[in-house]
Amino acid sequence: MPEKKTLEHARQAEKEGKAPSTQAGEFVREEIEHVREGKHGARSTKQAIAIGLSKARRAGVKLRPPKKGTVSEEARHKAEREYEVAQSGEKRSAPSRKSRY
């Protein structure tokens, strides 16, 4: 889950009419900081960028999935799915088993 300030910065950029890539830049910046701090196992900046863009899509930034041939098919399909789910505006509910408690 992105930090609160990252979401606020991205929303502010959206209000100002900035491009989706600029909005997603906040998420990438956060991930690069996490790599520097050693918070997770991403080894390279490329991995940090990919994770940041994925988080941005999930958070609702209108960042289009990559074109065919630029990344692996699996990564492209995942990005498409994240984009569609986030843009639909539907909120995921807790699994029924979990909601009983």
N, C-alpha and C. Protein backbone atom coordinates (compact mmCIF):
# COMPACT_ATOMS: atom_id res chain seq x y z
N MET A 1 0.84 -1.18 0.00
CA MET A 1 0.00 0.00 0.00
C MET A 1 0.88 1.24 0.00
N PRO A 2 0.59 2.19 -0.89
CA PRO A 2 1.38 3.41 -0.93
C PRO A 2 1.19 4.24 0.34
N GLU A 3 2.21 5.03 0.64
CA GLU A 3 2.11 5.91 1.81
C GLU A 3 1.08 7.00 1.53
N LYS A 4 0.54 7.56 2.61
CA LYS A 4 -0.50 8.58 2.50
C LYS A 4 -0.01 9.81 1.73
N LYS A 5 1.22 10.24 2.03
CA LYS A 5 1.73 11.45 1.39
C LYS A 5 1.95 11.23 -0.11
N THR A 6 2.28 9.98 -0.50
CA THR A 6 2.45 9.68 -1.92
C THR A 6 1.12 9.83 -2.65
N LEU A 7 0.06 9.29 -2.05
CA LEU A 7 -1.27 9.42 -2.66
C LEU A 7 -1.69 10.88 -2.75
N GLU A 8 -1.40 11.66 -1.71
CA GLU A 8 -1.75 13.08 -1.71
C GLU A 8 -1.02 13.83 -2.81
N HIS A 9 0.29 13.55 -2.97
CA HIS A 9 1.07 14.21 -4.01
C HIS A 9 0.54 13.85 -5.40
N ALA A 10 0.18 12.59 -5.59
CA ALA A 10 -0.34 12.15 -6.89
C ALA A 10 -1.70 12.81 -7.17
N ARG A 11 -2.55 12.88 -6.17
CA ARG A 11 -3.87 13.53 -6.34
C ARG A 11 -3.70 15.01 -6.66
N GLN A 12 -2.73 15.65 -5.99
CA GLN A 12 -2.47 17.06 -6.24
C GLN A 12 -2.01 17.27 -7.69
N ALA A 13 -1.13 16.39 -8.16
CA ALA A 13 -0.64 16.48 -9.54
C ALA A 13 -1.80 16.30 -10.52
N GLU A 14 -2.74 15.40 -10.18
CA GLU A 14 -3.91 15.18 -11.04
C GLU A 14 -4.78 16.43 -11.09
N LYS A 15 -4.99 17.06 -9.94
CA LYS A 15 -5.79 18.29 -9.89
C LYS A 15 -5.17 19.40 -10.72
N GLU A 16 -3.84 19.44 -10.73
CA GLU A 16 -3.12 20.46 -11.49
C GLU A 16 -3.09 20.16 -12.97
N GLY A 17 -3.62 19.00 -13.37
CA GLY A 17 -3.69 18.65 -14.78
C GLY A 17 -2.40 18.07 -15.32
N LYS A 18 -1.55 17.55 -14.44
CA LYS A 18 -0.29 16.98 -14.88
C LYS A 18 -0.55 15.64 -15.58
N ALA A 19 0.42 15.20 -16.37
CA ALA A 19 0.30 13.95 -17.12
C ALA A 19 0.29 12.75 -16.17
N PRO A 20 -0.33 11.65 -16.59
CA PRO A 20 -0.35 10.45 -15.75
C PRO A 20 1.06 9.97 -15.36
N SER A 21 2.02 10.13 -16.26
CA SER A 21 3.37 9.69 -15.95
C SER A 21 3.97 10.52 -14.82
N THR A 22 3.60 11.79 -14.75
CA THR A 22 4.06 12.65 -13.66
C THR A 22 3.43 12.22 -12.35
N GLN A 23 2.15 11.89 -12.39
CA GLN A 23 1.46 11.41 -11.19
C GLN A 23 2.10 10.11 -10.71
N ALA A 24 2.43 9.23 -11.65
CA ALA A 24 3.03 7.94 -11.29
C ALA A 24 4.44 8.11 -10.77
N GLY A 25 5.08 9.22 -11.11
CA GLY A 25 6.44 9.48 -10.65
C GLY A 25 6.56 9.49 -9.14
N GLU A 26 5.50 9.91 -8.46
CA GLU A 26 5.50 9.92 -6.99
C GLU A 26 5.63 8.50 -6.44
N PHE A 27 4.93 7.57 -7.06
CA PHE A 27 4.97 6.18 -6.62
C PHE A 27 6.35 5.57 -6.89
N VAL A 28 6.93 5.92 -8.04
CA VAL A 28 8.26 5.42 -8.38
C VAL A 28 9.28 5.98 -7.40
N ARG A 29 9.16 7.26 -7.08
CA ARG A 29 10.08 7.90 -6.12
C ARG A 29 10.02 7.18 -4.77
N GLU A 30 8.80 6.85 -4.35
CA GLU A 30 8.63 6.15 -3.07
C GLU A 30 9.33 4.78 -3.11
N GLU A 31 9.18 4.06 -4.22
CA GLU A 31 9.79 2.74 -4.33
C GLU A 31 11.31 2.82 -4.34
N ILE A 32 11.86 3.81 -5.01
CA ILE A 32 13.31 3.96 -5.04
C ILE A 32 13.83 4.25 -3.63
N GLU A 33 13.08 5.04 -2.88
CA GLU A 33 13.46 5.30 -1.47
C GLU A 33 13.43 4.00 -0.67
N HIS A 34 12.44 3.15 -0.92
CA HIS A 34 12.35 1.88 -0.22
C HIS A 34 13.55 0.99 -0.54
N VAL A 35 13.98 1.00 -1.79
CA VAL A 35 15.15 0.20 -2.18
C VAL A 35 16.38 0.72 -1.44
N ARG A 36 16.52 2.03 -1.38
CA ARG A 36 17.68 2.62 -0.69
C ARG A 36 17.69 2.28 0.79
N GLU A 37 16.50 2.24 1.38
CA GLU A 37 16.39 1.93 2.80
C GLU A 37 16.48 0.42 3.06
N GLY A 38 16.42 -0.38 2.01
CA GLY A 38 16.48 -1.83 2.16
C GLY A 38 15.18 -2.43 2.66
N LYS A 39 14.06 -1.78 2.35
CA LYS A 39 12.77 -2.26 2.85
C LYS A 39 12.29 -3.53 2.15
N HIS A 40 12.66 -3.72 0.89
CA HIS A 40 12.26 -4.95 0.22
C HIS A 40 13.33 -5.41 -0.75
N GLY A 41 13.10 -6.55 -1.38
CA GLY A 41 14.13 -7.23 -2.13
C GLY A 41 14.37 -6.77 -3.55
N ALA A 42 13.80 -5.66 -3.98
CA ALA A 42 14.09 -5.19 -5.33
C ALA A 42 15.56 -4.81 -5.40
N ARG A 43 16.25 -5.33 -6.40
CA ARG A 43 17.69 -5.13 -6.47
C ARG A 43 18.07 -3.96 -7.36
N SER A 44 17.29 -3.69 -8.36
CA SER A 44 17.68 -2.66 -9.32
C SER A 44 16.64 -1.55 -9.40
N THR A 45 17.05 -0.46 -10.01
CA THR A 45 16.12 0.66 -10.19
C THR A 45 15.01 0.27 -11.15
N LYS A 46 15.31 -0.61 -12.12
CA LYS A 46 14.27 -1.05 -13.05
C LYS A 46 13.14 -1.75 -12.31
N GLN A 47 13.50 -2.59 -11.35
CA GLN A 47 12.48 -3.27 -10.55
C GLN A 47 11.67 -2.27 -9.74
N ALA A 48 12.36 -1.28 -9.17
CA ALA A 48 11.68 -0.26 -8.37
C ALA A 48 10.71 0.53 -9.23
N ILE A 49 11.11 0.84 -10.45
CA ILE A 49 10.23 1.58 -11.37
C ILE A 49 9.01 0.74 -11.70
N ALA A 50 9.20 -0.54 -11.99
CA ALA A 50 8.08 -1.42 -12.33
C ALA A 50 7.10 -1.54 -11.17
N ILE A 51 7.63 -1.67 -9.96
CA ILE A 51 6.77 -1.77 -8.77
C ILE A 51 6.01 -0.46 -8.57
N GLY A 52 6.68 0.66 -8.74
CA GLY A 52 6.04 1.97 -8.58
C GLY A 52 4.93 2.19 -9.58
N LEU A 53 5.16 1.83 -10.84
CA LEU A 53 4.12 1.99 -11.87
C LEU A 53 2.93 1.09 -11.57
N SER A 54 3.21 -0.11 -11.08
CA SER A 54 2.14 -1.04 -10.73
C SER A 54 1.29 -0.46 -9.60
N LYS A 55 1.95 0.08 -8.57
CA LYS A 55 1.22 0.70 -7.46
C LYS A 55 0.39 1.89 -7.94
N ALA A 56 0.94 2.65 -8.87
CA ALA A 56 0.22 3.81 -9.40
C ALA A 56 -1.05 3.37 -10.12
N ARG A 57 -0.94 2.31 -10.94
CA ARG A 57 -2.12 1.81 -11.64
C ARG A 57 -3.19 1.34 -10.65
N ARG A 58 -2.74 0.62 -9.61
CA ARG A 58 -3.69 0.12 -8.62
C ARG A 58 -4.36 1.26 -7.85
N ALA A 59 -3.64 2.37 -7.69
CA ALA A 59 -4.18 3.50 -6.95
C ALA A 59 -5.12 4.35 -7.80
N GLY A 60 -5.23 4.04 -9.09
CA GLY A 60 -6.19 4.74 -9.93
C GLY A 60 -5.61 5.78 -10.85
N VAL A 61 -4.28 5.87 -10.97
CA VAL A 61 -3.68 6.80 -11.92
C VAL A 61 -3.97 6.27 -13.32
N LYS A 62 -4.37 7.15 -14.22
CA LYS A 62 -4.76 6.72 -15.57
C LYS A 62 -3.53 6.46 -16.43
N LEU A 63 -2.70 5.55 -15.99
CA LEU A 63 -1.46 5.21 -16.66
C LEU A 63 -1.69 3.98 -17.52
N ARG A 64 -1.59 4.16 -18.84
CA ARG A 64 -1.88 3.08 -19.77
C ARG A 64 -0.89 1.93 -19.59
N PRO A 65 -1.35 0.69 -19.82
CA PRO A 65 -0.43 -0.46 -19.78
C PRO A 65 0.58 -0.36 -20.92
N PRO A 66 1.74 -1.02 -20.79
CA PRO A 66 2.75 -0.94 -21.84
C PRO A 66 2.28 -1.58 -23.14
N LYS A 67 2.85 -1.12 -24.24
CA LYS A 67 2.48 -1.65 -25.55
C LYS A 67 3.05 -3.05 -25.75
N LYS A 68 2.47 -3.77 -26.71
CA LYS A 68 2.92 -5.13 -27.01
C LYS A 68 4.38 -5.11 -27.46
N GLY A 69 5.15 -6.06 -26.94
CA GLY A 69 6.54 -6.18 -27.34
C GLY A 69 7.53 -5.41 -26.48
N THR A 70 7.05 -4.51 -25.62
CA THR A 70 7.97 -3.74 -24.79
C THR A 70 8.31 -4.47 -23.50
N VAL A 71 7.36 -5.24 -22.99
CA VAL A 71 7.59 -6.05 -21.79
C VAL A 71 7.03 -7.44 -22.04
N SER A 72 7.23 -8.35 -21.11
CA SER A 72 6.73 -9.71 -21.29
C SER A 72 5.20 -9.70 -21.32
N GLU A 73 4.65 -10.71 -21.98
CA GLU A 73 3.19 -10.80 -22.09
C GLU A 73 2.53 -10.87 -20.71
N GLU A 74 3.15 -11.62 -19.81
CA GLU A 74 2.60 -11.77 -18.47
C GLU A 74 2.52 -10.42 -17.75
N ALA A 75 3.59 -9.64 -17.84
CA ALA A 75 3.62 -8.34 -17.19
C ALA A 75 2.60 -7.40 -17.83
N ARG A 76 2.47 -7.48 -19.15
CA ARG A 76 1.53 -6.61 -19.85
C ARG A 76 0.09 -6.93 -19.47
N HIS A 77 -0.24 -8.22 -19.39
CA HIS A 77 -1.60 -8.62 -19.02
C HIS A 77 -1.91 -8.19 -17.58
N LYS A 78 -0.93 -8.33 -16.70
CA LYS A 78 -1.13 -7.93 -15.32
C LYS A 78 -1.39 -6.42 -15.24
N ALA A 79 -0.61 -5.64 -16.00
CA ALA A 79 -0.78 -4.19 -16.02
C ALA A 79 -2.15 -3.82 -16.58
N GLU A 80 -2.59 -4.53 -17.62
CA GLU A 80 -3.92 -4.27 -18.19
C GLU A 80 -5.01 -4.53 -17.16
N ARG A 81 -4.87 -5.63 -16.45
CA ARG A 81 -5.86 -6.01 -15.43
C ARG A 81 -5.91 -4.98 -14.30
N GLU A 82 -4.73 -4.58 -13.82
CA GLU A 82 -4.67 -3.57 -12.75
C GLU A 82 -5.33 -2.27 -13.20
N TYR A 83 -5.04 -1.89 -14.44
CA TYR A 83 -5.59 -0.65 -14.98
C TYR A 83 -7.11 -0.71 -15.05
N GLU A 84 -7.64 -1.81 -15.60
CA GLU A 84 -9.09 -1.96 -15.75
C GLU A 84 -9.80 -1.98 -14.40
N VAL A 85 -9.24 -2.72 -13.44
CA VAL A 85 -9.87 -2.82 -12.12
C VAL A 85 -9.90 -1.46 -11.43
N ALA A 86 -8.78 -0.74 -11.50
CA ALA A 86 -8.70 0.56 -10.83
C ALA A 86 -9.62 1.58 -11.49
N GLN A 87 -9.72 1.56 -12.82
CA GLN A 87 -10.54 2.54 -13.52
C GLN A 87 -12.03 2.24 -13.39
N SER A 88 -12.38 0.99 -13.09
CA SER A 88 -13.80 0.65 -12.95
C SER A 88 -14.39 1.28 -11.70
N GLY A 89 -13.55 1.55 -10.71
CA GLY A 89 -14.01 2.20 -9.49
C GLY A 89 -14.64 1.27 -8.49
N GLU A 90 -14.69 -0.02 -8.79
CA GLU A 90 -15.29 -0.98 -7.87
C GLU A 90 -14.36 -1.22 -6.70
N LYS A 91 -14.93 -1.26 -5.52
CA LYS A 91 -14.14 -1.54 -4.32
C LYS A 91 -14.21 -3.03 -4.05
N ARG A 92 -13.06 -3.62 -3.74
CA ARG A 92 -13.05 -5.05 -3.41
C ARG A 92 -13.53 -5.24 -2.00
N SER A 93 -14.38 -6.23 -1.82
CA SER A 93 -14.85 -6.53 -0.48
C SER A 93 -14.00 -7.65 0.11
N ALA A 94 -14.03 -7.78 1.41
CA ALA A 94 -13.28 -8.84 2.08
C ALA A 94 -13.91 -10.18 1.71
N PRO A 95 -13.11 -11.23 1.66
CA PRO A 95 -13.67 -12.55 1.38
C PRO A 95 -14.74 -12.90 2.42
N SER A 96 -15.77 -13.62 2.01
CA SER A 96 -16.90 -13.90 2.90
C SER A 96 -16.45 -14.62 4.17
N ARG A 97 -15.45 -15.50 4.04
CA ARG A 97 -14.96 -16.20 5.21
C ARG A 97 -14.39 -15.22 6.24
N LYS A 98 -13.66 -14.25 5.74
CA LYS A 98 -13.01 -13.29 6.63
C LYS A 98 -14.02 -12.34 7.26
N SER A 99 -15.06 -11.98 6.53
CA SER A 99 -16.01 -10.99 7.01
C SER A 99 -16.93 -11.56 8.12
N ARG A 100 -16.90 -12.86 8.31
CA ARG A 100 -17.75 -13.45 9.36
C ARG A 100 -17.23 -13.14 10.75
N TYR A 101 -15.94 -12.89 10.87
CA TYR A 101 -15.34 -12.75 12.21
C TYR A 101 -15.56 -11.39 12.81
